[in-house]
Amino acid sequence: MQRTLLSLIGICFVLRCYAQQPNDLREFRIGKSVQELPVRGYIHFHCADAADTALSRWQDYLRCPSDARGLYGIAFEFDPSDNLRALTNDSYEGTRVAGQPVRLALLISVDGHVGGIRIQTDPNVRLYLRKKAFLFGLQARAHYGSNGWNCEEAKPRPDEEPVGGIFIKEHCEKTTTTRHLIVDRQLYRPVQKPLHDFVGVSSLLILSAD
């Protein structure tokens, strides 16, 4: 129970609880103009859906392809030089949310405002973290309240099997007065793959409720 409470406090701190701070993630908030985004603290800008296209700043978003919603994704990482705790504790190294190594993307509208924020656990981490990645989806749902989620769970196909006795293919959505939230969780292994080659990932997509 104590560990669960600490995990929820962690995601509350990183995602900024709405009662204390209107931002959705650090300095980022749905509806914010790209002209207001921070000029330091973040590195390795590139198109989220075209990783070979490097960018020098947020305002280059129109160089990226748009998605089905008409949003342009910019992937980025936290600047380690701004994270003093990472110098003494490897649990804070890299780009992390609620303790999980993640891939981040701001989704920018054509008129230059943040239309969405995508947080996905990094699938290339060591096996232990990948196996635990499904917990991030639970943390995200708990952060926004356990009620009001509409979830669908898929059953294993003949070519899929559980990992350590756990099979998860879950899609959940929730709409609040200001946000539309989508959480996806997966943990399974294709039967033809080696034991260490399994799918373990969670993602949180934050959109405006409009």
N, C-alpha and C. Protein backbone atom coordinates (compact mmCIF):
# COMPACT_ATOMS: atom_id res chain seq x y z
N MET A 1 0.82 -1.20 0.00
CA MET A 1 0.00 0.00 0.00
C MET A 1 0.86 1.26 0.00
N GLN A 2 1.92 1.27 0.82
CA GLN A 2 2.79 2.44 0.88
C GLN A 2 3.48 2.68 -0.45
N ARG A 3 3.95 1.59 -1.11
CA ARG A 3 4.62 1.74 -2.40
C ARG A 3 3.65 2.28 -3.44
N THR A 4 2.39 1.81 -3.43
CA THR A 4 1.39 2.31 -4.37
C THR A 4 1.13 3.78 -4.16
N LEU A 5 1.02 4.20 -2.89
CA LEU A 5 0.79 5.60 -2.57
C LEU A 5 1.94 6.46 -3.05
N LEU A 6 3.17 5.98 -2.86
CA LEU A 6 4.33 6.74 -3.32
C LEU A 6 4.33 6.87 -4.83
N SER A 7 3.92 5.81 -5.55
CA SER A 7 3.87 5.86 -7.01
C SER A 7 2.87 6.91 -7.48
N LEU A 8 1.71 6.97 -6.81
CA LEU A 8 0.71 7.94 -7.19
C LEU A 8 1.19 9.35 -6.90
N ILE A 9 1.89 9.52 -5.79
CA ILE A 9 2.45 10.83 -5.48
C ILE A 9 3.46 11.22 -6.55
N GLY A 10 4.25 10.24 -7.02
CA GLY A 10 5.24 10.52 -8.04
C GLY A 10 4.63 11.01 -9.32
N ILE A 11 3.58 10.33 -9.81
CA ILE A 11 2.98 10.78 -11.07
C ILE A 11 2.25 12.09 -10.88
N CYS A 12 1.69 12.31 -9.67
CA CYS A 12 1.04 13.58 -9.38
C CYS A 12 2.05 14.71 -9.46
N PHE A 13 3.26 14.47 -8.94
CA PHE A 13 4.30 15.50 -8.95
C PHE A 13 4.74 15.82 -10.36
N VAL A 14 4.96 14.78 -11.20
CA VAL A 14 5.49 15.01 -12.53
C VAL A 14 4.44 15.57 -13.47
N LEU A 15 3.20 15.06 -13.40
CA LEU A 15 2.15 15.53 -14.28
C LEU A 15 1.46 16.79 -13.75
N ARG A 16 1.77 17.18 -12.53
CA ARG A 16 1.25 18.39 -11.90
C ARG A 16 -0.25 18.27 -11.64
N CYS A 17 -0.63 17.97 -10.42
CA CYS A 17 -2.03 17.82 -10.05
C CYS A 17 -2.78 19.12 -10.39
N TYR A 18 -3.96 18.95 -10.96
CA TYR A 18 -4.71 20.13 -11.41
C TYR A 18 -5.07 21.07 -10.28
N ALA A 19 -5.26 20.54 -9.06
CA ALA A 19 -5.62 21.41 -7.95
C ALA A 19 -4.48 22.38 -7.63
N GLN A 20 -3.24 22.02 -7.97
CA GLN A 20 -2.11 22.84 -7.64
C GLN A 20 -1.54 23.58 -8.85
N GLN A 21 -1.70 23.00 -10.05
CA GLN A 21 -1.01 23.54 -11.21
C GLN A 21 -1.77 23.12 -12.46
N PRO A 22 -2.15 24.08 -13.31
CA PRO A 22 -2.96 23.75 -14.48
C PRO A 22 -2.19 23.05 -15.59
N ASN A 23 -0.88 22.99 -15.50
CA ASN A 23 -0.13 22.33 -16.57
C ASN A 23 -0.37 20.83 -16.57
N ASP A 24 -0.23 20.22 -17.75
CA ASP A 24 -0.44 18.78 -17.90
C ASP A 24 0.84 17.99 -17.67
N LEU A 25 1.97 18.56 -18.03
CA LEU A 25 3.27 17.91 -17.86
C LEU A 25 4.34 18.99 -17.80
N ARG A 26 4.97 19.09 -16.64
CA ARG A 26 5.99 20.14 -16.45
C ARG A 26 5.44 21.50 -16.89
N GLU A 27 6.14 22.16 -17.86
CA GLU A 27 5.67 23.49 -18.32
C GLU A 27 4.63 23.40 -19.43
N PHE A 28 4.20 22.21 -19.77
CA PHE A 28 3.35 22.02 -20.95
C PHE A 28 1.88 21.91 -20.57
N ARG A 29 1.04 22.56 -21.38
CA ARG A 29 -0.39 22.58 -21.13
C ARG A 29 -1.11 22.58 -22.46
N ILE A 30 -2.21 21.81 -22.54
CA ILE A 30 -3.04 21.81 -23.73
C ILE A 30 -3.53 23.23 -23.99
N GLY A 31 -3.40 23.69 -25.23
CA GLY A 31 -3.83 25.04 -25.60
C GLY A 31 -2.73 26.07 -25.58
N LYS A 32 -1.58 25.74 -25.01
CA LYS A 32 -0.48 26.70 -24.93
C LYS A 32 0.13 26.94 -26.31
N SER A 33 0.51 28.16 -26.59
CA SER A 33 1.12 28.49 -27.87
C SER A 33 2.57 28.00 -27.92
N VAL A 34 3.02 27.60 -29.10
CA VAL A 34 4.42 27.18 -29.24
C VAL A 34 5.36 28.33 -28.91
N GLN A 35 4.90 29.56 -29.06
CA GLN A 35 5.74 30.71 -28.74
C GLN A 35 5.99 30.83 -27.23
N GLU A 36 5.15 30.17 -26.43
CA GLU A 36 5.30 30.23 -24.97
C GLU A 36 6.09 29.04 -24.42
N LEU A 37 6.45 28.07 -25.25
CA LEU A 37 7.11 26.88 -24.75
C LEU A 37 8.54 27.19 -24.31
N PRO A 38 9.06 26.46 -23.34
CA PRO A 38 10.39 26.77 -22.78
C PRO A 38 11.50 26.61 -23.81
N VAL A 39 12.50 27.48 -23.72
CA VAL A 39 13.61 27.45 -24.66
C VAL A 39 14.78 26.63 -24.12
N ARG A 40 14.71 26.21 -22.88
CA ARG A 40 15.76 25.37 -22.30
C ARG A 40 15.13 24.26 -21.47
N GLY A 41 15.95 23.24 -21.18
CA GLY A 41 15.47 22.13 -20.38
C GLY A 41 15.07 20.91 -21.20
N TYR A 42 15.08 21.04 -22.54
CA TYR A 42 14.64 19.95 -23.40
C TYR A 42 15.57 19.86 -24.62
N ILE A 43 15.82 18.64 -25.07
CA ILE A 43 16.80 18.41 -26.14
C ILE A 43 16.29 17.36 -27.11
N HIS A 44 17.08 17.15 -28.16
CA HIS A 44 16.85 16.09 -29.15
C HIS A 44 15.46 16.19 -29.79
N PHE A 45 15.13 17.38 -30.27
CA PHE A 45 13.85 17.55 -30.95
C PHE A 45 13.88 16.83 -32.30
N HIS A 46 12.81 16.12 -32.60
CA HIS A 46 12.64 15.53 -33.93
C HIS A 46 11.16 15.21 -34.13
N CYS A 47 10.80 14.93 -35.36
CA CYS A 47 9.41 14.60 -35.65
C CYS A 47 9.05 13.26 -35.02
N ALA A 48 7.95 13.22 -34.28
CA ALA A 48 7.56 12.00 -33.57
C ALA A 48 7.25 10.86 -34.54
N ASP A 49 6.72 11.19 -35.71
CA ASP A 49 6.34 10.16 -36.67
C ASP A 49 7.27 10.14 -37.89
N ALA A 50 8.41 10.80 -37.76
CA ALA A 50 9.45 10.76 -38.80
C ALA A 50 10.77 11.04 -38.08
N ALA A 51 11.27 10.02 -37.37
CA ALA A 51 12.39 10.20 -36.44
C ALA A 51 13.65 10.73 -37.10
N ASP A 52 13.80 10.54 -38.40
CA ASP A 52 15.00 11.02 -39.09
C ASP A 52 14.98 12.53 -39.33
N THR A 53 13.86 13.16 -39.10
CA THR A 53 13.75 14.61 -39.31
C THR A 53 14.04 15.34 -38.01
N ALA A 54 15.27 15.82 -37.88
CA ALA A 54 15.67 16.56 -36.68
C ALA A 54 15.15 17.99 -36.74
N LEU A 55 14.83 18.53 -35.58
CA LEU A 55 14.33 19.89 -35.48
C LEU A 55 15.21 20.66 -34.50
N SER A 56 15.25 21.97 -34.68
CA SER A 56 16.06 22.79 -33.79
C SER A 56 15.24 23.49 -32.71
N ARG A 57 13.92 23.55 -32.90
CA ARG A 57 13.08 24.25 -31.92
C ARG A 57 11.63 23.82 -32.10
N TRP A 58 10.80 24.17 -31.12
CA TRP A 58 9.38 23.82 -31.17
C TRP A 58 8.69 24.38 -32.40
N GLN A 59 9.09 25.58 -32.79
CA GLN A 59 8.41 26.28 -33.87
C GLN A 59 8.60 25.62 -35.24
N ASP A 60 9.42 24.58 -35.31
CA ASP A 60 9.63 23.88 -36.58
C ASP A 60 8.60 22.77 -36.82
N TYR A 61 7.52 22.76 -36.06
CA TYR A 61 6.57 21.63 -36.09
C TYR A 61 5.98 21.36 -37.48
N LEU A 62 5.86 22.39 -38.33
CA LEU A 62 5.25 22.18 -39.64
C LEU A 62 6.14 21.37 -40.58
N ARG A 63 7.37 21.10 -40.18
CA ARG A 63 8.23 20.22 -40.97
C ARG A 63 7.86 18.75 -40.75
N CYS A 64 7.03 18.47 -39.77
CA CYS A 64 6.65 17.09 -39.44
C CYS A 64 5.35 16.72 -40.13
N PRO A 65 5.12 15.42 -40.33
CA PRO A 65 3.83 14.99 -40.89
C PRO A 65 2.73 15.15 -39.83
N SER A 66 1.52 15.41 -40.28
CA SER A 66 0.39 15.51 -39.36
C SER A 66 -0.28 14.15 -39.22
N ASP A 67 -0.95 13.95 -38.08
CA ASP A 67 -1.64 12.68 -37.84
C ASP A 67 -3.10 12.79 -38.26
N ALA A 68 -3.90 11.79 -37.92
CA ALA A 68 -5.30 11.76 -38.33
C ALA A 68 -6.10 12.91 -37.71
N ARG A 69 -5.63 13.46 -36.60
CA ARG A 69 -6.31 14.60 -35.96
C ARG A 69 -5.83 15.93 -36.52
N GLY A 70 -4.88 15.90 -37.44
CA GLY A 70 -4.32 17.14 -37.97
C GLY A 70 -3.29 17.76 -37.06
N LEU A 71 -2.70 16.97 -36.16
CA LEU A 71 -1.70 17.46 -35.22
C LEU A 71 -0.31 17.02 -35.65
N TYR A 72 0.68 17.89 -35.39
CA TYR A 72 2.07 17.65 -35.77
C TYR A 72 2.86 17.26 -34.52
N GLY A 73 3.43 16.06 -34.51
CA GLY A 73 4.11 15.56 -33.33
C GLY A 73 5.58 15.91 -33.27
N ILE A 74 6.00 16.51 -32.15
CA ILE A 74 7.41 16.80 -31.90
C ILE A 74 7.86 15.97 -30.71
N ALA A 75 8.78 15.04 -30.95
CA ALA A 75 9.36 14.24 -29.87
C ALA A 75 10.52 15.01 -29.25
N PHE A 76 10.76 14.75 -27.97
CA PHE A 76 11.82 15.48 -27.26
C PHE A 76 12.22 14.69 -26.04
N GLU A 77 13.32 15.11 -25.41
CA GLU A 77 13.81 14.48 -24.18
C GLU A 77 14.13 15.55 -23.15
N PHE A 78 14.15 15.13 -21.89
CA PHE A 78 14.58 16.05 -20.83
C PHE A 78 16.08 16.26 -20.94
N ASP A 79 16.52 17.48 -20.70
CA ASP A 79 17.94 17.80 -20.70
C ASP A 79 18.56 17.33 -19.38
N PRO A 80 19.49 16.34 -19.43
CA PRO A 80 20.05 15.82 -18.18
C PRO A 80 20.84 16.85 -17.39
N SER A 81 21.32 17.89 -18.05
CA SER A 81 22.08 18.91 -17.32
C SER A 81 21.20 19.72 -16.38
N ASP A 82 19.87 19.64 -16.56
CA ASP A 82 18.95 20.35 -15.68
C ASP A 82 18.44 19.45 -14.55
N ASN A 83 18.91 18.20 -14.51
CA ASN A 83 18.41 17.24 -13.52
C ASN A 83 19.55 16.85 -12.58
N LEU A 84 19.70 17.60 -11.49
CA LEU A 84 20.80 17.36 -10.56
C LEU A 84 20.68 16.02 -9.84
N ARG A 85 19.44 15.53 -9.63
CA ARG A 85 19.26 14.26 -8.93
C ARG A 85 19.83 13.09 -9.72
N ALA A 86 19.89 13.23 -11.05
CA ALA A 86 20.42 12.14 -11.87
C ALA A 86 21.91 11.94 -11.66
N LEU A 87 22.59 12.94 -11.10
CA LEU A 87 24.02 12.82 -10.86
C LEU A 87 24.34 11.84 -9.73
N THR A 88 23.38 11.64 -8.84
CA THR A 88 23.62 10.77 -7.69
C THR A 88 22.69 9.57 -7.61
N ASN A 89 21.65 9.53 -8.46
CA ASN A 89 20.67 8.44 -8.41
C ASN A 89 20.25 8.08 -9.82
N ASP A 90 20.60 6.87 -10.29
CA ASP A 90 20.29 6.49 -11.66
C ASP A 90 18.79 6.28 -11.89
N SER A 91 17.99 6.28 -10.82
CA SER A 91 16.54 6.18 -10.98
C SER A 91 15.96 7.43 -11.62
N TYR A 92 16.73 8.52 -11.63
CA TYR A 92 16.27 9.77 -12.23
C TYR A 92 16.93 10.05 -13.57
N GLU A 93 17.74 9.12 -14.05
CA GLU A 93 18.43 9.35 -15.32
C GLU A 93 17.46 9.29 -16.49
N GLY A 94 17.78 10.06 -17.53
CA GLY A 94 17.00 10.00 -18.76
C GLY A 94 15.67 10.72 -18.64
N THR A 95 14.81 10.43 -19.60
CA THR A 95 13.49 11.05 -19.66
C THR A 95 12.49 10.11 -19.00
N ARG A 96 12.01 10.47 -17.82
CA ARG A 96 11.15 9.60 -17.03
C ARG A 96 9.90 10.34 -16.58
N VAL A 97 8.82 9.60 -16.49
CA VAL A 97 7.58 10.08 -15.88
C VAL A 97 7.13 9.00 -14.91
N ALA A 98 6.89 9.37 -13.67
CA ALA A 98 6.50 8.42 -12.62
C ALA A 98 7.49 7.27 -12.51
N GLY A 99 8.77 7.56 -12.72
CA GLY A 99 9.81 6.55 -12.57
C GLY A 99 10.03 5.69 -13.79
N GLN A 100 9.17 5.80 -14.80
CA GLN A 100 9.29 4.98 -16.00
C GLN A 100 10.02 5.74 -17.11
N PRO A 101 11.02 5.11 -17.75
CA PRO A 101 11.62 5.73 -18.94
C PRO A 101 10.55 5.84 -20.04
N VAL A 102 10.42 7.02 -20.61
CA VAL A 102 9.32 7.26 -21.55
C VAL A 102 9.81 7.98 -22.81
N ARG A 103 8.96 7.91 -23.82
CA ARG A 103 9.11 8.71 -25.03
C ARG A 103 7.99 9.75 -25.02
N LEU A 104 8.36 11.01 -25.20
CA LEU A 104 7.41 12.10 -25.10
C LEU A 104 7.21 12.78 -26.45
N ALA A 105 6.01 13.28 -26.66
CA ALA A 105 5.74 14.06 -27.86
C ALA A 105 4.68 15.10 -27.56
N LEU A 106 4.93 16.33 -28.00
CA LEU A 106 3.90 17.35 -28.02
C LEU A 106 3.23 17.30 -29.38
N LEU A 107 1.91 17.36 -29.40
CA LEU A 107 1.14 17.34 -30.64
C LEU A 107 0.62 18.75 -30.89
N ILE A 108 1.12 19.38 -31.94
CA ILE A 108 0.87 20.79 -32.20
C ILE A 108 -0.16 20.96 -33.31
N SER A 109 -1.12 21.86 -33.10
CA SER A 109 -2.13 22.15 -34.11
C SER A 109 -1.53 23.03 -35.20
N VAL A 110 -2.22 23.09 -36.34
CA VAL A 110 -1.68 23.84 -37.47
C VAL A 110 -1.51 25.32 -37.14
N ASP A 111 -2.32 25.84 -36.21
CA ASP A 111 -2.20 27.25 -35.85
C ASP A 111 -1.22 27.49 -34.70
N GLY A 112 -0.44 26.43 -34.32
CA GLY A 112 0.66 26.63 -33.39
C GLY A 112 0.31 26.56 -31.92
N HIS A 113 -0.63 25.70 -31.55
CA HIS A 113 -0.96 25.50 -30.14
C HIS A 113 -0.84 24.02 -29.78
N VAL A 114 -0.54 23.75 -28.52
CA VAL A 114 -0.43 22.36 -28.07
C VAL A 114 -1.82 21.74 -28.07
N GLY A 115 -2.02 20.76 -28.94
CA GLY A 115 -3.31 20.09 -29.04
C GLY A 115 -3.33 18.76 -28.32
N GLY A 116 -2.16 18.25 -27.94
CA GLY A 116 -2.11 16.97 -27.25
C GLY A 116 -0.72 16.70 -26.70
N ILE A 117 -0.65 15.79 -25.76
CA ILE A 117 0.62 15.34 -25.18
C ILE A 117 0.59 13.81 -25.15
N ARG A 118 1.61 13.19 -25.71
CA ARG A 118 1.67 11.73 -25.74
C ARG A 118 2.85 11.26 -24.89
N ILE A 119 2.57 10.36 -23.96
CA ILE A 119 3.58 9.77 -23.09
C ILE A 119 3.53 8.26 -23.28
N GLN A 120 4.62 7.69 -23.75
CA GLN A 120 4.67 6.24 -23.99
C GLN A 120 5.91 5.66 -23.34
N THR A 121 5.74 4.56 -22.62
CA THR A 121 6.91 3.93 -22.02
C THR A 121 7.87 3.48 -23.12
N ASP A 122 9.14 3.58 -22.83
CA ASP A 122 10.17 3.24 -23.81
C ASP A 122 10.26 1.72 -23.96
N PRO A 123 10.03 1.17 -25.17
CA PRO A 123 10.06 -0.28 -25.35
C PRO A 123 11.46 -0.86 -25.40
N ASN A 124 12.47 -0.01 -25.40
CA ASN A 124 13.85 -0.48 -25.55
C ASN A 124 14.62 -0.51 -24.24
N VAL A 125 13.93 -0.44 -23.12
CA VAL A 125 14.61 -0.50 -21.83
C VAL A 125 14.90 -1.96 -21.46
N ARG A 126 15.64 -2.15 -20.36
CA ARG A 126 15.96 -3.51 -19.94
C ARG A 126 14.69 -4.28 -19.56
N LEU A 127 14.78 -5.60 -19.55
CA LEU A 127 13.62 -6.46 -19.45
C LEU A 127 12.76 -6.16 -18.23
N TYR A 128 13.40 -5.91 -17.07
CA TYR A 128 12.64 -5.69 -15.85
C TYR A 128 11.69 -4.50 -16.00
N LEU A 129 12.19 -3.38 -16.54
CA LEU A 129 11.36 -2.20 -16.70
C LEU A 129 10.29 -2.40 -17.76
N ARG A 130 10.63 -3.12 -18.82
CA ARG A 130 9.63 -3.37 -19.87
C ARG A 130 8.49 -4.24 -19.33
N LYS A 131 8.82 -5.21 -18.49
CA LYS A 131 7.79 -6.07 -17.92
C LYS A 131 6.87 -5.30 -16.98
N LYS A 132 7.40 -4.25 -16.34
CA LYS A 132 6.62 -3.46 -15.40
C LYS A 132 5.95 -2.25 -16.05
N ALA A 133 6.14 -2.06 -17.35
CA ALA A 133 5.62 -0.86 -18.01
C ALA A 133 4.11 -0.76 -17.94
N PHE A 134 3.40 -1.88 -17.86
CA PHE A 134 1.94 -1.84 -17.80
C PHE A 134 1.45 -1.09 -16.56
N LEU A 135 2.28 -1.00 -15.52
CA LEU A 135 1.88 -0.29 -14.31
C LEU A 135 1.72 1.20 -14.54
N PHE A 136 2.46 1.75 -15.51
CA PHE A 136 2.33 3.19 -15.78
C PHE A 136 0.90 3.53 -16.20
N GLY A 137 0.29 2.66 -17.00
CA GLY A 137 -1.10 2.91 -17.40
C GLY A 137 -2.03 2.94 -16.20
N LEU A 138 -1.80 2.07 -15.23
CA LEU A 138 -2.61 2.08 -14.01
C LEU A 138 -2.39 3.36 -13.21
N GLN A 139 -1.15 3.82 -13.15
CA GLN A 139 -0.85 5.06 -12.43
C GLN A 139 -1.55 6.24 -13.10
N ALA A 140 -1.52 6.27 -14.42
CA ALA A 140 -2.16 7.37 -15.15
C ALA A 140 -3.66 7.39 -14.89
N ARG A 141 -4.29 6.22 -14.93
CA ARG A 141 -5.73 6.16 -14.67
C ARG A 141 -6.05 6.58 -13.23
N ALA A 142 -5.23 6.15 -12.28
CA ALA A 142 -5.46 6.53 -10.88
C ALA A 142 -5.31 8.03 -10.70
N HIS A 143 -4.35 8.61 -11.40
CA HIS A 143 -4.12 10.05 -11.28
C HIS A 143 -5.35 10.86 -11.68
N TYR A 144 -6.04 10.41 -12.71
CA TYR A 144 -7.22 11.14 -13.19
C TYR A 144 -8.52 10.63 -12.58
N GLY A 145 -8.43 9.75 -11.59
CA GLY A 145 -9.62 9.26 -10.91
C GLY A 145 -10.08 7.92 -11.47
N SER A 146 -10.43 7.01 -10.58
CA SER A 146 -10.76 5.65 -11.01
C SER A 146 -12.11 5.54 -11.70
N ASN A 147 -13.00 6.50 -11.48
CA ASN A 147 -14.34 6.44 -12.07
C ASN A 147 -14.38 7.07 -13.46
N GLY A 148 -15.31 6.61 -14.27
CA GLY A 148 -15.57 7.25 -15.55
C GLY A 148 -14.78 6.72 -16.73
N TRP A 149 -13.97 5.69 -16.51
CA TRP A 149 -13.19 5.11 -17.60
C TRP A 149 -14.03 4.08 -18.36
N ASN A 150 -13.94 4.13 -19.67
CA ASN A 150 -14.57 3.14 -20.53
C ASN A 150 -13.45 2.27 -21.11
N CYS A 151 -13.36 1.03 -20.66
CA CYS A 151 -12.23 0.17 -21.02
C CYS A 151 -12.68 -1.05 -21.81
N GLU A 152 -11.85 -1.45 -22.75
CA GLU A 152 -12.06 -2.67 -23.52
C GLU A 152 -10.81 -3.53 -23.41
N GLU A 153 -11.01 -4.81 -23.14
CA GLU A 153 -9.89 -5.75 -23.01
C GLU A 153 -9.99 -6.81 -24.10
N ALA A 154 -8.87 -7.02 -24.80
CA ALA A 154 -8.81 -8.05 -25.84
C ALA A 154 -8.31 -9.35 -25.25
N LYS A 155 -8.77 -10.47 -25.79
CA LYS A 155 -8.30 -11.79 -25.37
C LYS A 155 -7.12 -12.20 -26.22
N PRO A 156 -6.29 -13.10 -25.72
CA PRO A 156 -5.13 -13.53 -26.50
C PRO A 156 -5.55 -14.20 -27.82
N ARG A 157 -4.83 -13.89 -28.88
CA ARG A 157 -5.00 -14.61 -30.13
C ARG A 157 -4.24 -15.93 -30.03
N PRO A 158 -4.46 -16.84 -30.97
CA PRO A 158 -3.75 -18.13 -30.91
C PRO A 158 -2.22 -17.99 -30.94
N ASP A 159 -1.73 -16.90 -31.52
CA ASP A 159 -0.28 -16.72 -31.62
C ASP A 159 0.27 -15.80 -30.53
N GLU A 160 -0.50 -15.60 -29.45
CA GLU A 160 -0.06 -14.75 -28.35
C GLU A 160 -0.20 -15.50 -27.03
N GLU A 161 0.69 -15.20 -26.08
CA GLU A 161 0.61 -15.84 -24.77
C GLU A 161 1.02 -14.86 -23.68
N PRO A 162 0.64 -15.15 -22.41
CA PRO A 162 0.98 -14.25 -21.30
C PRO A 162 2.48 -14.20 -21.05
N VAL A 163 2.87 -13.15 -20.34
CA VAL A 163 4.25 -13.00 -19.86
C VAL A 163 4.21 -13.13 -18.35
N GLY A 164 4.87 -14.16 -17.82
CA GLY A 164 4.83 -14.38 -16.38
C GLY A 164 3.42 -14.58 -15.86
N GLY A 165 2.56 -15.19 -16.68
CA GLY A 165 1.19 -15.44 -16.26
C GLY A 165 0.24 -14.27 -16.45
N ILE A 166 0.73 -13.16 -17.02
CA ILE A 166 -0.10 -11.96 -17.20
C ILE A 166 -0.25 -11.66 -18.68
N PHE A 167 -1.50 -11.49 -19.12
CA PHE A 167 -1.78 -11.05 -20.49
C PHE A 167 -2.62 -9.78 -20.42
N ILE A 168 -2.15 -8.73 -21.08
CA ILE A 168 -2.87 -7.45 -21.08
C ILE A 168 -2.90 -6.88 -22.49
N LYS A 169 -4.09 -6.60 -22.96
CA LYS A 169 -4.30 -5.78 -24.15
C LYS A 169 -5.53 -4.94 -23.82
N GLU A 170 -5.31 -3.73 -23.36
CA GLU A 170 -6.38 -2.91 -22.80
C GLU A 170 -6.36 -1.51 -23.39
N HIS A 171 -7.54 -1.02 -23.73
CA HIS A 171 -7.71 0.34 -24.24
C HIS A 171 -8.77 1.03 -23.39
N CYS A 172 -8.42 2.18 -22.80
CA CYS A 172 -9.33 2.91 -21.91
C CYS A 172 -9.42 4.37 -22.34
N GLU A 173 -10.63 4.94 -22.21
CA GLU A 173 -10.82 6.36 -22.50
C GLU A 173 -11.69 6.99 -21.42
N LYS A 174 -11.43 8.27 -21.20
CA LYS A 174 -12.20 9.02 -20.22
C LYS A 174 -12.23 10.48 -20.64
N THR A 175 -13.38 11.12 -20.47
CA THR A 175 -13.50 12.54 -20.76
C THR A 175 -13.90 13.28 -19.50
N THR A 176 -13.12 14.30 -19.15
CA THR A 176 -13.44 15.17 -18.03
C THR A 176 -13.98 16.48 -18.59
N THR A 177 -14.15 17.46 -17.73
CA THR A 177 -14.66 18.75 -18.21
C THR A 177 -13.67 19.45 -19.13
N THR A 178 -12.39 19.12 -19.02
CA THR A 178 -11.38 19.83 -19.83
C THR A 178 -10.51 18.92 -20.69
N ARG A 179 -10.47 17.61 -20.40
CA ARG A 179 -9.53 16.72 -21.08
C ARG A 179 -10.21 15.44 -21.58
N HIS A 180 -9.71 14.96 -22.72
CA HIS A 180 -10.05 13.61 -23.19
C HIS A 180 -8.78 12.78 -23.04
N LEU A 181 -8.87 11.68 -22.30
CA LEU A 181 -7.70 10.88 -21.92
C LEU A 181 -7.81 9.49 -22.53
N ILE A 182 -6.71 9.01 -23.07
CA ILE A 182 -6.66 7.68 -23.66
C ILE A 182 -5.46 6.95 -23.07
N VAL A 183 -5.71 5.80 -22.47
CA VAL A 183 -4.66 4.97 -21.89
C VAL A 183 -4.68 3.60 -22.55
N ASP A 184 -3.54 3.18 -23.06
CA ASP A 184 -3.39 1.85 -23.64
C ASP A 184 -2.32 1.09 -22.87
N ARG A 185 -2.58 -0.20 -22.62
CA ARG A 185 -1.60 -1.05 -21.93
C ARG A 185 -1.50 -2.39 -22.66
N GLN A 186 -0.26 -2.88 -22.78
CA GLN A 186 -0.04 -4.17 -23.42
C GLN A 186 1.08 -4.93 -22.71
N LEU A 187 0.84 -6.18 -22.46
CA LEU A 187 1.87 -7.09 -21.97
C LEU A 187 1.54 -8.49 -22.48
N TYR A 188 2.34 -8.97 -23.44
CA TYR A 188 2.14 -10.31 -24.00
C TYR A 188 3.37 -10.67 -24.83
N ARG A 189 3.43 -11.92 -25.25
CA ARG A 189 4.53 -12.37 -26.09
C ARG A 189 4.00 -13.14 -27.30
N PRO A 190 4.42 -12.76 -28.50
CA PRO A 190 4.10 -13.60 -29.66
C PRO A 190 4.76 -14.98 -29.48
N VAL A 191 4.01 -16.04 -29.69
CA VAL A 191 4.50 -17.38 -29.33
C VAL A 191 5.74 -17.79 -30.12
N GLN A 192 5.94 -17.20 -31.30
CA GLN A 192 7.10 -17.60 -32.10
C GLN A 192 8.37 -16.85 -31.70
N LYS A 193 8.24 -15.89 -30.77
CA LYS A 193 9.38 -15.08 -30.35
C LYS A 193 10.09 -15.72 -29.15
N PRO A 194 11.38 -15.41 -28.95
CA PRO A 194 12.08 -15.86 -27.74
C PRO A 194 11.43 -15.30 -26.48
N LEU A 195 11.70 -15.93 -25.35
CA LEU A 195 11.07 -15.53 -24.09
C LEU A 195 11.33 -14.06 -23.75
N HIS A 196 12.51 -13.56 -24.09
CA HIS A 196 12.84 -12.18 -23.73
C HIS A 196 12.27 -11.17 -24.72
N ASP A 197 11.70 -11.63 -25.82
CA ASP A 197 11.21 -10.73 -26.87
C ASP A 197 9.69 -10.59 -26.74
N PHE A 198 9.25 -9.80 -25.78
CA PHE A 198 7.82 -9.64 -25.53
C PHE A 198 7.43 -8.16 -25.64
N VAL A 199 6.14 -7.93 -25.73
CA VAL A 199 5.60 -6.58 -25.81
C VAL A 199 5.21 -6.14 -24.41
N GLY A 200 5.78 -5.05 -23.94
CA GLY A 200 5.43 -4.48 -22.65
C GLY A 200 5.44 -2.96 -22.75
N VAL A 201 4.28 -2.34 -22.81
CA VAL A 201 4.22 -0.91 -23.06
C VAL A 201 2.92 -0.33 -22.51
N SER A 202 2.98 0.92 -22.05
CA SER A 202 1.81 1.71 -21.68
C SER A 202 1.92 3.06 -22.36
N SER A 203 0.78 3.66 -22.67
CA SER A 203 0.80 5.01 -23.21
C SER A 203 -0.36 5.81 -22.66
N LEU A 204 -0.12 7.10 -22.53
CA LEU A 204 -1.15 8.06 -22.09
C LEU A 204 -1.19 9.17 -23.12
N LEU A 205 -2.38 9.40 -23.68
CA LEU A 205 -2.59 10.49 -24.61
C LEU A 205 -3.53 11.49 -23.97
N ILE A 206 -3.09 12.75 -23.85
CA ILE A 206 -3.88 13.81 -23.24
C ILE A 206 -4.31 14.74 -24.34
N LEU A 207 -5.62 14.92 -24.50
CA LEU A 207 -6.19 15.79 -25.51
C LEU A 207 -7.18 16.75 -24.86
N SER A 208 -7.53 17.80 -25.58
CA SER A 208 -8.58 18.68 -25.09
C SER A 208 -9.92 17.96 -25.18
N ALA A 209 -10.82 18.28 -24.25
CA ALA A 209 -12.16 17.69 -24.29
C ALA A 209 -13.05 18.33 -25.35
N ASP A 210 -12.62 19.44 -25.95
CA ASP A 210 -13.41 20.10 -26.97
C ASP A 210 -13.51 19.26 -28.23
